[in-house]
N, C-alpha and C. Protein backbone atom coordinates (compact mmCIF):
# COMPACT_ATOMS: atom_id res chain seq x y z
N MET A 1 81.97 -16.08 -162.56
CA MET A 1 80.74 -15.36 -162.25
C MET A 1 80.33 -14.49 -163.44
N PRO A 2 79.05 -14.50 -163.85
CA PRO A 2 78.61 -13.67 -164.97
C PRO A 2 78.87 -12.20 -164.71
N VAL A 3 79.16 -11.46 -165.80
CA VAL A 3 79.49 -10.05 -165.68
C VAL A 3 78.35 -9.27 -165.03
N ASP A 4 77.06 -9.57 -165.41
CA ASP A 4 75.94 -8.79 -164.87
C ASP A 4 75.79 -8.99 -163.38
N VAL A 5 76.11 -10.18 -162.87
CA VAL A 5 76.03 -10.44 -161.43
C VAL A 5 77.11 -9.65 -160.71
N MET A 6 78.34 -9.63 -161.29
CA MET A 6 79.43 -8.87 -160.68
C MET A 6 79.08 -7.39 -160.64
N LYS A 7 78.50 -6.88 -161.74
CA LYS A 7 78.14 -5.47 -161.80
C LYS A 7 77.12 -5.13 -160.73
N GLU A 8 76.09 -5.97 -160.60
CA GLU A 8 75.03 -5.68 -159.63
C GLU A 8 75.54 -5.72 -158.20
N SER A 9 76.39 -6.71 -157.90
CA SER A 9 76.88 -6.81 -156.54
C SER A 9 77.77 -5.61 -156.19
N THR A 10 78.60 -5.16 -157.12
CA THR A 10 79.43 -3.99 -156.88
C THR A 10 78.58 -2.74 -156.74
N LYS A 11 77.56 -2.63 -157.57
CA LYS A 11 76.64 -1.49 -157.49
C LYS A 11 75.96 -1.46 -156.13
N ASP A 12 75.55 -2.62 -155.65
CA ASP A 12 74.89 -2.70 -154.33
C ASP A 12 75.84 -2.27 -153.22
N ILE A 13 77.11 -2.66 -153.36
CA ILE A 13 78.11 -2.29 -152.35
C ILE A 13 78.28 -0.77 -152.31
N ILE A 14 78.35 -0.16 -153.48
CA ILE A 14 78.49 1.30 -153.55
C ILE A 14 77.30 1.97 -152.89
N ILE A 15 76.09 1.51 -153.21
CA ILE A 15 74.88 2.10 -152.65
C ILE A 15 74.83 1.94 -151.13
N ALA A 16 75.21 0.77 -150.64
CA ALA A 16 75.17 0.53 -149.20
C ALA A 16 76.12 1.48 -148.46
N HIS A 17 77.31 1.68 -149.01
CA HIS A 17 78.25 2.59 -148.37
C HIS A 17 77.78 4.04 -148.50
N ALA A 18 77.22 4.38 -149.66
CA ALA A 18 76.69 5.72 -149.85
C ALA A 18 75.56 6.00 -148.86
N ALA A 19 74.71 5.00 -148.64
CA ALA A 19 73.57 5.17 -147.72
C ALA A 19 74.04 5.50 -146.32
N ARG A 20 75.07 4.80 -145.87
CA ARG A 20 75.57 5.02 -144.51
C ARG A 20 76.20 6.40 -144.38
N ILE A 21 77.03 6.77 -145.35
CA ILE A 21 77.76 8.04 -145.26
C ILE A 21 76.83 9.23 -145.44
N ILE A 22 75.96 9.14 -146.44
CA ILE A 22 75.05 10.26 -146.73
C ILE A 22 74.03 10.45 -145.62
N ARG A 23 73.58 9.38 -145.01
CA ARG A 23 72.64 9.53 -143.89
C ARG A 23 73.29 10.29 -142.75
N LYS A 24 74.59 10.15 -142.61
CA LYS A 24 75.32 10.84 -141.54
C LYS A 24 75.71 12.26 -141.92
N ASN A 25 76.21 12.44 -143.15
CA ASN A 25 76.81 13.72 -143.53
C ASN A 25 75.99 14.54 -144.50
N GLY A 26 74.98 13.95 -145.12
CA GLY A 26 74.19 14.67 -146.11
C GLY A 26 74.64 14.37 -147.53
N PHE A 27 73.75 14.60 -148.49
CA PHE A 27 74.05 14.28 -149.88
C PHE A 27 75.10 15.21 -150.48
N ASN A 28 74.90 16.50 -150.30
CA ASN A 28 75.81 17.46 -150.91
C ASN A 28 77.18 17.51 -150.24
N ASN A 29 77.24 17.09 -148.98
CA ASN A 29 78.51 17.09 -148.25
C ASN A 29 79.30 15.80 -148.42
N THR A 30 78.77 14.90 -149.23
CA THR A 30 79.45 13.62 -149.45
C THR A 30 79.92 13.53 -150.89
N GLY A 31 81.21 13.27 -151.06
CA GLY A 31 81.77 13.18 -152.40
C GLY A 31 81.81 11.75 -152.91
N ILE A 32 81.84 11.62 -154.21
CA ILE A 32 81.90 10.30 -154.82
C ILE A 32 83.17 9.57 -154.39
N ALA A 33 84.28 10.28 -154.32
CA ALA A 33 85.55 9.65 -153.95
C ALA A 33 85.48 9.05 -152.55
N GLU A 34 84.82 9.74 -151.63
CA GLU A 34 84.68 9.23 -150.26
C GLU A 34 83.88 7.93 -150.24
N ILE A 35 82.81 7.89 -151.03
CA ILE A 35 81.97 6.69 -151.08
C ILE A 35 82.76 5.52 -151.66
N LEU A 36 83.46 5.76 -152.76
CA LEU A 36 84.20 4.68 -153.41
C LEU A 36 85.35 4.18 -152.55
N SER A 37 85.98 5.10 -151.83
CA SER A 37 87.05 4.70 -150.92
C SER A 37 86.53 3.80 -149.83
N SER A 38 85.36 4.18 -149.27
CA SER A 38 84.76 3.36 -148.22
C SER A 38 84.34 2.00 -148.75
N ALA A 39 83.85 1.97 -149.99
CA ALA A 39 83.37 0.72 -150.59
C ALA A 39 84.50 -0.15 -151.12
N GLY A 40 85.71 0.42 -151.22
CA GLY A 40 86.83 -0.34 -151.76
C GLY A 40 86.72 -0.55 -153.26
N VAL A 41 86.11 0.42 -153.94
CA VAL A 41 85.91 0.33 -155.39
C VAL A 41 86.81 1.36 -156.06
N PRO A 42 87.50 1.02 -157.13
CA PRO A 42 88.38 1.98 -157.82
C PRO A 42 87.63 3.25 -158.22
N LYS A 43 88.29 4.37 -158.09
CA LYS A 43 87.65 5.66 -158.34
C LYS A 43 87.13 5.79 -159.77
N GLY A 44 87.80 5.17 -160.71
CA GLY A 44 87.36 5.30 -162.09
C GLY A 44 86.16 4.44 -162.45
N SER A 45 85.68 3.64 -161.50
CA SER A 45 84.60 2.70 -161.80
C SER A 45 83.21 3.28 -161.60
N PHE A 46 83.10 4.43 -160.95
CA PHE A 46 81.77 4.96 -160.59
C PHE A 46 80.85 5.08 -161.80
N TYR A 47 81.35 5.65 -162.87
CA TYR A 47 80.49 5.92 -164.02
C TYR A 47 80.19 4.67 -164.85
N PHE A 48 80.77 3.56 -164.44
CA PHE A 48 80.39 2.28 -165.04
C PHE A 48 79.05 1.81 -164.47
N TYR A 49 78.75 2.26 -163.23
CA TYR A 49 77.53 1.82 -162.55
C TYR A 49 76.45 2.90 -162.50
N PHE A 50 76.87 4.17 -162.53
CA PHE A 50 75.91 5.27 -162.43
C PHE A 50 76.26 6.35 -163.47
N LYS A 51 75.23 6.98 -164.01
CA LYS A 51 75.44 8.04 -164.98
C LYS A 51 76.00 9.30 -164.32
N SER A 52 75.61 9.53 -163.06
CA SER A 52 76.00 10.74 -162.34
C SER A 52 75.76 10.52 -160.86
N LYS A 53 76.17 11.49 -160.06
CA LYS A 53 75.89 11.42 -158.63
C LYS A 53 74.38 11.47 -158.40
N GLU A 54 73.67 12.25 -159.21
CA GLU A 54 72.20 12.30 -159.09
C GLU A 54 71.58 10.94 -159.36
N ASP A 55 72.09 10.25 -160.37
CA ASP A 55 71.59 8.91 -160.69
C ASP A 55 71.79 7.98 -159.50
N MET A 56 72.96 8.05 -158.87
CA MET A 56 73.20 7.26 -157.66
C MET A 56 72.25 7.67 -156.54
N GLY A 57 71.99 8.98 -156.42
CA GLY A 57 71.10 9.46 -155.38
C GLY A 57 69.69 8.93 -155.54
N LEU A 58 69.20 8.83 -156.77
CA LEU A 58 67.87 8.29 -157.00
C LEU A 58 67.82 6.81 -156.63
N ALA A 59 68.89 6.08 -156.96
CA ALA A 59 68.97 4.67 -156.54
C ALA A 59 69.04 4.57 -155.03
N LEU A 60 69.66 5.56 -154.42
CA LEU A 60 69.78 5.59 -152.96
C LEU A 60 68.41 5.75 -152.31
N VAL A 61 67.54 6.58 -152.89
CA VAL A 61 66.18 6.73 -152.35
C VAL A 61 65.47 5.38 -152.36
N ASP A 62 65.59 4.64 -153.45
CA ASP A 62 64.98 3.32 -153.54
C ASP A 62 65.55 2.37 -152.48
N TYR A 63 66.85 2.47 -152.26
CA TYR A 63 67.51 1.64 -151.25
C TYR A 63 66.96 1.96 -149.86
N TYR A 64 66.84 3.24 -149.55
CA TYR A 64 66.29 3.64 -148.26
C TYR A 64 64.85 3.14 -148.11
N CYS A 65 64.06 3.27 -149.18
CA CYS A 65 62.66 2.83 -149.12
C CYS A 65 62.58 1.33 -148.85
N ARG A 66 63.43 0.56 -149.50
CA ARG A 66 63.42 -0.89 -149.25
C ARG A 66 63.80 -1.19 -147.81
N GLY A 67 64.78 -0.46 -147.29
CA GLY A 67 65.19 -0.68 -145.91
C GLY A 67 64.09 -0.36 -144.92
N ILE A 68 63.42 0.76 -145.14
CA ILE A 68 62.32 1.15 -144.26
C ILE A 68 61.19 0.13 -144.34
N GLN A 69 60.85 -0.28 -145.57
CA GLN A 69 59.77 -1.25 -145.74
C GLN A 69 60.10 -2.59 -145.11
N SER A 70 61.36 -3.01 -145.20
CA SER A 70 61.75 -4.30 -144.63
C SER A 70 61.60 -4.30 -143.11
N MET A 71 61.74 -3.13 -142.50
CA MET A 71 61.56 -3.01 -141.05
C MET A 71 60.09 -2.78 -140.71
N ALA A 72 59.41 -2.00 -141.54
CA ALA A 72 58.03 -1.61 -141.23
C ALA A 72 57.03 -2.71 -141.50
N GLU A 73 57.18 -3.41 -142.61
CA GLU A 73 56.15 -4.35 -143.02
C GLU A 73 55.86 -5.44 -141.99
N PRO A 74 56.88 -6.11 -141.44
CA PRO A 74 56.56 -7.13 -140.43
C PRO A 74 55.86 -6.55 -139.21
N LEU A 75 56.24 -5.34 -138.82
CA LEU A 75 55.64 -4.72 -137.63
C LEU A 75 54.19 -4.36 -137.86
N LEU A 76 53.85 -3.95 -139.09
CA LEU A 76 52.50 -3.47 -139.38
C LEU A 76 51.55 -4.57 -139.84
N THR A 77 52.08 -5.72 -140.26
CA THR A 77 51.22 -6.76 -140.84
C THR A 77 51.17 -8.06 -140.06
N GLU A 78 51.98 -8.20 -139.01
CA GLU A 78 51.95 -9.46 -138.25
C GLU A 78 50.56 -9.69 -137.68
N SER A 79 50.22 -10.96 -137.47
CA SER A 79 48.86 -11.30 -137.04
C SER A 79 48.62 -10.99 -135.57
N ASP A 80 49.66 -10.88 -134.79
CA ASP A 80 49.54 -10.60 -133.36
C ASP A 80 50.65 -9.62 -132.99
N PRO A 81 50.43 -8.59 -132.25
CA PRO A 81 49.21 -8.26 -131.49
C PRO A 81 48.15 -7.57 -132.35
N SER A 82 47.27 -6.79 -131.70
CA SER A 82 46.17 -6.14 -132.39
C SER A 82 46.70 -5.05 -133.33
N PRO A 83 45.91 -4.63 -134.33
CA PRO A 83 46.37 -3.61 -135.27
C PRO A 83 46.83 -2.32 -134.59
N ARG A 84 46.08 -1.84 -133.62
CA ARG A 84 46.47 -0.60 -132.94
C ARG A 84 47.80 -0.77 -132.23
N LYS A 85 48.00 -1.91 -131.59
CA LYS A 85 49.26 -2.17 -130.90
C LYS A 85 50.39 -2.32 -131.89
N ARG A 86 50.11 -2.87 -133.07
CA ARG A 86 51.15 -2.99 -134.09
C ARG A 86 51.63 -1.61 -134.52
N LEU A 87 50.71 -0.67 -134.65
CA LEU A 87 51.10 0.70 -134.97
C LEU A 87 52.03 1.27 -133.90
N GLU A 88 51.66 1.06 -132.65
CA GLU A 88 52.49 1.58 -131.56
C GLU A 88 53.86 0.91 -131.56
N ASN A 89 53.89 -0.40 -131.80
CA ASN A 89 55.17 -1.11 -131.86
C ASN A 89 56.05 -0.59 -133.00
N PHE A 90 55.41 -0.23 -134.11
CA PHE A 90 56.13 0.31 -135.27
C PHE A 90 56.90 1.57 -134.87
N PHE A 91 56.23 2.50 -134.22
CA PHE A 91 56.89 3.75 -133.85
C PHE A 91 57.91 3.54 -132.73
N GLN A 92 57.64 2.63 -131.82
CA GLN A 92 58.60 2.35 -130.76
C GLN A 92 59.88 1.72 -131.33
N ALA A 93 59.74 0.89 -132.34
CA ALA A 93 60.91 0.25 -132.94
C ALA A 93 61.82 1.28 -133.60
N PHE A 94 61.24 2.22 -134.33
CA PHE A 94 62.05 3.25 -134.96
C PHE A 94 62.62 4.22 -133.92
N GLU A 95 61.87 4.45 -132.87
CA GLU A 95 62.37 5.31 -131.80
C GLU A 95 63.62 4.69 -131.17
N ALA A 96 63.58 3.38 -130.95
CA ALA A 96 64.73 2.68 -130.38
C ALA A 96 65.93 2.75 -131.33
N LEU A 97 65.66 2.65 -132.65
CA LEU A 97 66.72 2.75 -133.64
C LEU A 97 67.37 4.13 -133.59
N PHE A 98 66.57 5.18 -133.57
CA PHE A 98 67.12 6.53 -133.52
C PHE A 98 67.94 6.75 -132.25
N GLU A 99 67.44 6.21 -131.14
CA GLU A 99 68.16 6.38 -129.88
C GLU A 99 69.51 5.66 -129.93
N SER A 100 69.55 4.50 -130.59
CA SER A 100 70.82 3.76 -130.71
C SER A 100 71.83 4.52 -131.55
N GLU A 101 71.35 5.45 -132.36
CA GLU A 101 72.22 6.27 -133.21
C GLU A 101 72.47 7.65 -132.59
N ASP A 102 72.17 7.77 -131.29
CA ASP A 102 72.35 9.03 -130.57
C ASP A 102 71.54 10.17 -131.18
N TRP A 103 70.40 9.84 -131.77
CA TRP A 103 69.43 10.82 -132.29
C TRP A 103 69.99 11.67 -133.43
N LYS A 104 71.07 11.24 -134.06
CA LYS A 104 71.74 12.09 -135.04
C LYS A 104 71.32 11.84 -136.48
N SER A 105 70.94 10.61 -136.81
CA SER A 105 70.73 10.27 -138.22
C SER A 105 69.34 10.63 -138.73
N GLY A 106 68.32 10.33 -137.97
CA GLY A 106 66.97 10.67 -138.37
C GLY A 106 66.43 9.79 -139.48
N CYS A 107 65.37 10.27 -140.14
CA CYS A 107 64.74 9.54 -141.23
C CYS A 107 65.48 9.83 -142.53
N PRO A 108 65.98 8.82 -143.24
CA PRO A 108 66.73 9.08 -144.46
C PRO A 108 65.91 9.77 -145.53
N LEU A 109 64.62 9.44 -145.63
CA LEU A 109 63.77 10.11 -146.61
C LEU A 109 63.54 11.57 -146.22
N GLY A 110 63.33 11.80 -144.94
CA GLY A 110 63.16 13.17 -144.45
C GLY A 110 64.41 14.00 -144.67
N ASN A 111 65.56 13.40 -144.40
CA ASN A 111 66.83 14.11 -144.58
C ASN A 111 67.02 14.55 -146.03
N LEU A 112 66.79 13.62 -146.96
CA LEU A 112 66.98 13.93 -148.36
C LEU A 112 65.92 14.92 -148.87
N THR A 113 64.73 14.84 -148.31
CA THR A 113 63.68 15.79 -148.70
C THR A 113 64.07 17.20 -148.32
N GLN A 114 64.59 17.38 -147.11
CA GLN A 114 65.00 18.71 -146.67
C GLN A 114 66.15 19.24 -147.51
N GLU A 115 67.04 18.34 -147.92
CA GLU A 115 68.23 18.78 -148.64
C GLU A 115 68.00 18.93 -150.14
N MET A 116 67.21 18.01 -150.73
CA MET A 116 67.13 17.95 -152.19
C MET A 116 65.71 18.10 -152.75
N GLY A 117 64.70 18.02 -151.90
CA GLY A 117 63.33 17.96 -152.39
C GLY A 117 62.89 19.16 -153.20
N THR A 118 63.36 20.35 -152.84
CA THR A 118 62.97 21.56 -153.56
C THR A 118 63.99 21.96 -154.62
N LEU A 119 65.09 21.24 -154.69
CA LEU A 119 66.15 21.61 -155.63
C LEU A 119 66.15 20.74 -156.88
N ASN A 120 65.61 19.55 -156.78
CA ASN A 120 65.71 18.60 -157.87
C ASN A 120 64.37 17.89 -158.06
N PRO A 121 63.68 18.12 -159.19
CA PRO A 121 62.36 17.51 -159.41
C PRO A 121 62.38 15.98 -159.38
N ALA A 122 63.47 15.38 -159.88
CA ALA A 122 63.55 13.92 -159.88
C ALA A 122 63.60 13.38 -158.46
N PHE A 123 64.37 14.04 -157.60
CA PHE A 123 64.43 13.64 -156.20
C PHE A 123 63.06 13.82 -155.55
N ARG A 124 62.43 14.97 -155.80
CA ARG A 124 61.15 15.26 -155.18
C ARG A 124 60.13 14.18 -155.50
N LEU A 125 60.04 13.78 -156.75
CA LEU A 125 59.08 12.76 -157.15
C LEU A 125 59.40 11.41 -156.52
N ARG A 126 60.67 11.04 -156.53
CA ARG A 126 61.06 9.74 -155.96
C ARG A 126 60.81 9.71 -154.46
N LEU A 127 61.11 10.80 -153.77
CA LEU A 127 60.88 10.89 -152.33
C LEU A 127 59.40 10.89 -152.02
N SER A 128 58.62 11.63 -152.81
CA SER A 128 57.18 11.66 -152.60
C SER A 128 56.58 10.27 -152.71
N ASN A 129 57.02 9.51 -153.70
CA ASN A 129 56.52 8.14 -153.86
C ASN A 129 56.92 7.26 -152.69
N GLY A 130 58.12 7.50 -152.15
CA GLY A 130 58.56 6.74 -150.98
C GLY A 130 57.68 6.99 -149.78
N PHE A 131 57.33 8.26 -149.54
CA PHE A 131 56.44 8.58 -148.43
C PHE A 131 55.05 7.99 -148.66
N LYS A 132 54.60 7.97 -149.90
CA LYS A 132 53.28 7.40 -150.20
C LYS A 132 53.24 5.92 -149.89
N ARG A 133 54.33 5.21 -150.17
CA ARG A 133 54.36 3.78 -149.85
C ARG A 133 54.34 3.55 -148.35
N LEU A 134 55.06 4.38 -147.62
CA LEU A 134 55.05 4.25 -146.16
C LEU A 134 53.67 4.59 -145.61
N LYS A 135 53.05 5.64 -146.15
CA LYS A 135 51.71 6.02 -145.72
C LYS A 135 50.71 4.88 -145.97
N LYS A 136 50.85 4.20 -147.09
CA LYS A 136 49.92 3.12 -147.42
C LYS A 136 49.94 2.03 -146.34
N GLY A 137 51.14 1.70 -145.86
CA GLY A 137 51.24 0.70 -144.80
C GLY A 137 50.55 1.15 -143.53
N LEU A 138 50.72 2.42 -143.16
CA LEU A 138 50.06 2.97 -141.99
C LEU A 138 48.55 2.97 -142.18
N GLU A 139 48.11 3.36 -143.36
CA GLU A 139 46.67 3.42 -143.64
C GLU A 139 46.02 2.04 -143.54
N GLN A 140 46.69 1.04 -144.08
CA GLN A 140 46.13 -0.31 -144.02
C GLN A 140 46.01 -0.81 -142.59
N CYS A 141 47.00 -0.49 -141.77
CA CYS A 141 46.96 -0.90 -140.37
C CYS A 141 45.88 -0.14 -139.62
N LEU A 142 45.73 1.15 -139.92
CA LEU A 142 44.67 1.94 -139.30
C LEU A 142 43.30 1.41 -139.68
N ALA A 143 43.14 1.00 -140.93
CA ALA A 143 41.86 0.44 -141.37
C ALA A 143 41.52 -0.83 -140.60
N LYS A 144 42.53 -1.64 -140.36
CA LYS A 144 42.30 -2.87 -139.59
C LYS A 144 41.95 -2.54 -138.14
N ALA A 145 42.60 -1.51 -137.60
CA ALA A 145 42.27 -1.09 -136.23
C ALA A 145 40.85 -0.56 -136.16
N ARG A 146 40.44 0.18 -137.16
CA ARG A 146 39.06 0.69 -137.21
C ARG A 146 38.07 -0.46 -137.31
N ASP A 147 38.35 -1.42 -138.18
CA ASP A 147 37.44 -2.56 -138.36
C ASP A 147 37.37 -3.42 -137.11
N ALA A 148 38.45 -3.41 -136.33
CA ALA A 148 38.47 -4.20 -135.10
C ALA A 148 37.85 -3.45 -133.92
N GLY A 149 37.38 -2.23 -134.15
CA GLY A 149 36.76 -1.44 -133.09
C GLY A 149 37.74 -0.83 -132.12
N GLU A 150 39.01 -0.68 -132.54
CA GLU A 150 40.04 -0.14 -131.66
C GLU A 150 40.16 1.38 -131.75
N ILE A 151 39.64 1.95 -132.82
CA ILE A 151 39.64 3.40 -132.98
C ILE A 151 38.26 3.83 -133.48
N ASP A 152 38.04 5.12 -133.56
CA ASP A 152 36.76 5.66 -133.98
C ASP A 152 36.31 5.05 -135.31
N PRO A 153 35.13 4.41 -135.36
CA PRO A 153 34.67 3.76 -136.60
C PRO A 153 34.41 4.74 -137.73
N ALA A 154 34.23 6.03 -137.41
CA ALA A 154 33.98 7.04 -138.43
C ALA A 154 35.27 7.69 -138.94
N MET A 155 36.41 7.24 -138.44
CA MET A 155 37.67 7.89 -138.79
C MET A 155 38.01 7.71 -140.26
N ASN A 156 38.48 8.78 -140.89
CA ASN A 156 39.00 8.73 -142.26
C ASN A 156 40.45 8.27 -142.17
N VAL A 157 40.69 6.99 -142.42
CA VAL A 157 42.03 6.44 -142.20
C VAL A 157 43.03 6.96 -143.23
N ASN A 158 42.57 7.39 -144.39
CA ASN A 158 43.46 7.96 -145.40
C ASN A 158 44.07 9.26 -144.88
N GLU A 159 43.22 10.15 -144.37
CA GLU A 159 43.72 11.42 -143.83
C GLU A 159 44.49 11.21 -142.53
N MET A 160 44.04 10.25 -141.71
CA MET A 160 44.74 10.00 -140.46
C MET A 160 46.15 9.47 -140.72
N ALA A 161 46.31 8.63 -141.73
CA ALA A 161 47.64 8.13 -142.06
C ALA A 161 48.56 9.27 -142.47
N ASP A 162 48.02 10.21 -143.24
CA ASP A 162 48.80 11.40 -143.61
C ASP A 162 49.18 12.21 -142.37
N PHE A 163 48.20 12.42 -141.50
CA PHE A 163 48.44 13.22 -140.30
C PHE A 163 49.50 12.56 -139.40
N VAL A 164 49.38 11.27 -139.20
CA VAL A 164 50.33 10.55 -138.34
C VAL A 164 51.73 10.61 -138.94
N LEU A 165 51.85 10.36 -140.25
CA LEU A 165 53.15 10.38 -140.89
C LEU A 165 53.77 11.78 -140.84
N ASN A 166 52.96 12.81 -141.11
CA ASN A 166 53.47 14.18 -141.08
C ASN A 166 53.92 14.57 -139.67
N SER A 167 53.15 14.17 -138.69
CA SER A 167 53.50 14.47 -137.29
C SER A 167 54.78 13.75 -136.88
N TRP A 168 54.91 12.52 -137.33
CA TRP A 168 56.08 11.71 -137.02
C TRP A 168 57.35 12.34 -137.60
N GLU A 169 57.27 12.76 -138.87
CA GLU A 169 58.43 13.37 -139.49
C GLU A 169 58.81 14.68 -138.78
N GLY A 170 57.81 15.44 -138.36
CA GLY A 170 58.10 16.66 -137.60
C GLY A 170 58.76 16.36 -136.27
N ALA A 171 58.29 15.29 -135.61
CA ALA A 171 58.88 14.90 -134.33
C ALA A 171 60.34 14.46 -134.51
N ILE A 172 60.62 13.80 -135.64
CA ILE A 172 62.00 13.38 -135.92
C ILE A 172 62.90 14.59 -136.13
N LEU A 173 62.38 15.60 -136.80
CA LEU A 173 63.15 16.82 -137.01
C LEU A 173 63.50 17.47 -135.68
N ARG A 174 62.53 17.56 -134.77
CA ARG A 174 62.78 18.11 -133.43
C ARG A 174 63.77 17.25 -132.67
N MET A 175 63.67 15.93 -132.84
CA MET A 175 64.59 15.01 -132.17
C MET A 175 66.03 15.34 -132.53
N LYS A 176 66.28 15.59 -133.83
CA LYS A 176 67.63 15.89 -134.27
C LYS A 176 68.10 17.23 -133.74
N ALA A 177 67.18 18.19 -133.66
CA ALA A 177 67.55 19.52 -133.17
C ALA A 177 67.88 19.51 -131.69
N GLU A 178 67.17 18.66 -130.92
CA GLU A 178 67.30 18.68 -129.47
C GLU A 178 68.16 17.55 -128.92
N GLY A 179 68.50 16.58 -129.76
CA GLY A 179 69.37 15.51 -129.32
C GLY A 179 68.75 14.59 -128.30
N SER A 180 67.44 14.36 -128.40
CA SER A 180 66.77 13.43 -127.50
C SER A 180 65.50 12.92 -128.17
N THR A 181 64.94 11.85 -127.61
CA THR A 181 63.72 11.29 -128.16
C THR A 181 62.46 11.86 -127.50
N GLU A 182 62.61 12.96 -126.76
CA GLU A 182 61.44 13.52 -126.07
C GLU A 182 60.31 13.85 -127.04
N SER A 183 60.64 14.43 -128.19
CA SER A 183 59.58 14.78 -129.15
C SER A 183 58.87 13.54 -129.68
N LEU A 184 59.59 12.42 -129.82
CA LEU A 184 58.98 11.18 -130.27
C LEU A 184 58.09 10.58 -129.19
N GLU A 185 58.51 10.72 -127.94
CA GLU A 185 57.70 10.23 -126.84
C GLU A 185 56.40 11.03 -126.72
N ILE A 186 56.49 12.34 -126.91
CA ILE A 186 55.29 13.19 -126.90
C ILE A 186 54.37 12.80 -128.05
N PHE A 187 54.96 12.57 -129.22
CA PHE A 187 54.19 12.13 -130.38
C PHE A 187 53.38 10.87 -130.03
N ARG A 188 54.04 9.87 -129.47
CA ARG A 188 53.34 8.63 -129.16
C ARG A 188 52.24 8.84 -128.13
N ARG A 189 52.52 9.64 -127.12
CA ARG A 189 51.50 9.88 -126.09
C ARG A 189 50.27 10.57 -126.67
N MET A 190 50.49 11.56 -127.53
CA MET A 190 49.36 12.29 -128.12
C MET A 190 48.59 11.43 -129.11
N ILE A 191 49.32 10.69 -129.94
CA ILE A 191 48.65 9.86 -130.94
C ILE A 191 47.87 8.72 -130.29
N PHE A 192 48.53 7.97 -129.42
CA PHE A 192 47.89 6.77 -128.88
C PHE A 192 47.13 7.02 -127.59
N GLY A 193 47.46 8.11 -126.90
CA GLY A 193 46.72 8.42 -125.67
C GLY A 193 45.53 9.32 -125.88
N THR A 194 45.50 10.04 -127.01
CA THR A 194 44.41 11.00 -127.25
C THR A 194 43.72 10.74 -128.59
N ILE A 195 44.46 10.87 -129.68
CA ILE A 195 43.84 10.80 -131.01
C ILE A 195 43.39 9.39 -131.36
N LEU A 196 44.23 8.41 -131.07
CA LEU A 196 43.88 7.01 -131.38
C LEU A 196 43.65 6.22 -130.09
N ARG A 197 43.14 6.88 -129.08
CA ARG A 197 42.93 6.18 -127.81
C ARG A 197 41.88 5.08 -127.98
N LEU A 198 42.00 4.07 -127.17
CA LEU A 198 41.05 2.96 -127.21
C LEU A 198 39.66 3.45 -126.83
N PRO A 199 38.63 3.08 -127.59
CA PRO A 199 37.27 3.50 -127.26
C PRO A 199 36.85 2.98 -125.89
N ALA A 200 36.07 3.80 -125.17
CA ALA A 200 35.55 3.34 -123.88
C ALA A 200 34.55 2.23 -124.10
N LYS A 201 34.61 1.21 -123.25
CA LYS A 201 33.68 0.09 -123.37
C LYS A 201 32.29 0.54 -122.94
N SER A 202 31.33 0.22 -123.78
CA SER A 202 29.95 0.61 -123.48
C SER A 202 29.41 -0.25 -122.35
N GLU A 203 28.62 0.39 -121.48
CA GLU A 203 28.03 -0.33 -120.36
C GLU A 203 26.74 -1.01 -120.80
N THR A 204 26.53 -2.20 -120.33
CA THR A 204 25.32 -2.94 -120.68
C THR A 204 24.34 -2.91 -119.54
């Protein structure tokens, strides 16, 4: 096997184990030795793949973004059901994921933002870009819902995507504090029952 392929596969293994441990315990509470032990990689090998723990952390943000996108994209872009329903399915899918984790893990981007966003400019920029990519997917789906007549035709979907994402992240924070998905359920009811409710059919 070529050396570069071996290097990349080992690097991916380290990142995958780091993602699982750090999502549970936090970035600063997780040591390099713990990650390498879990990954089955010799302790002296870390700096062959990463310049520092921060370098690994930045790669970790990209890993989380790819994971979120791989789950979000099919839900937001599939041809059926309708765009508005796709949005609702998107949030329900993540809600089910959080519940399967006993409401403890939360959003990996949100977790790292709270821990590192104000402490490290490189993390802040990488995390900000990750949220922007997620927002773009929401915005595109909202635009399709608007064009399909499922939401207010005058709605600014750019600002609405920001509002929905910000509200969602806040609901996730409350979920972790309270140990239940009640805040996420309230979020969905308010967003889809009030703010993005289906327009009333005009009488002819």
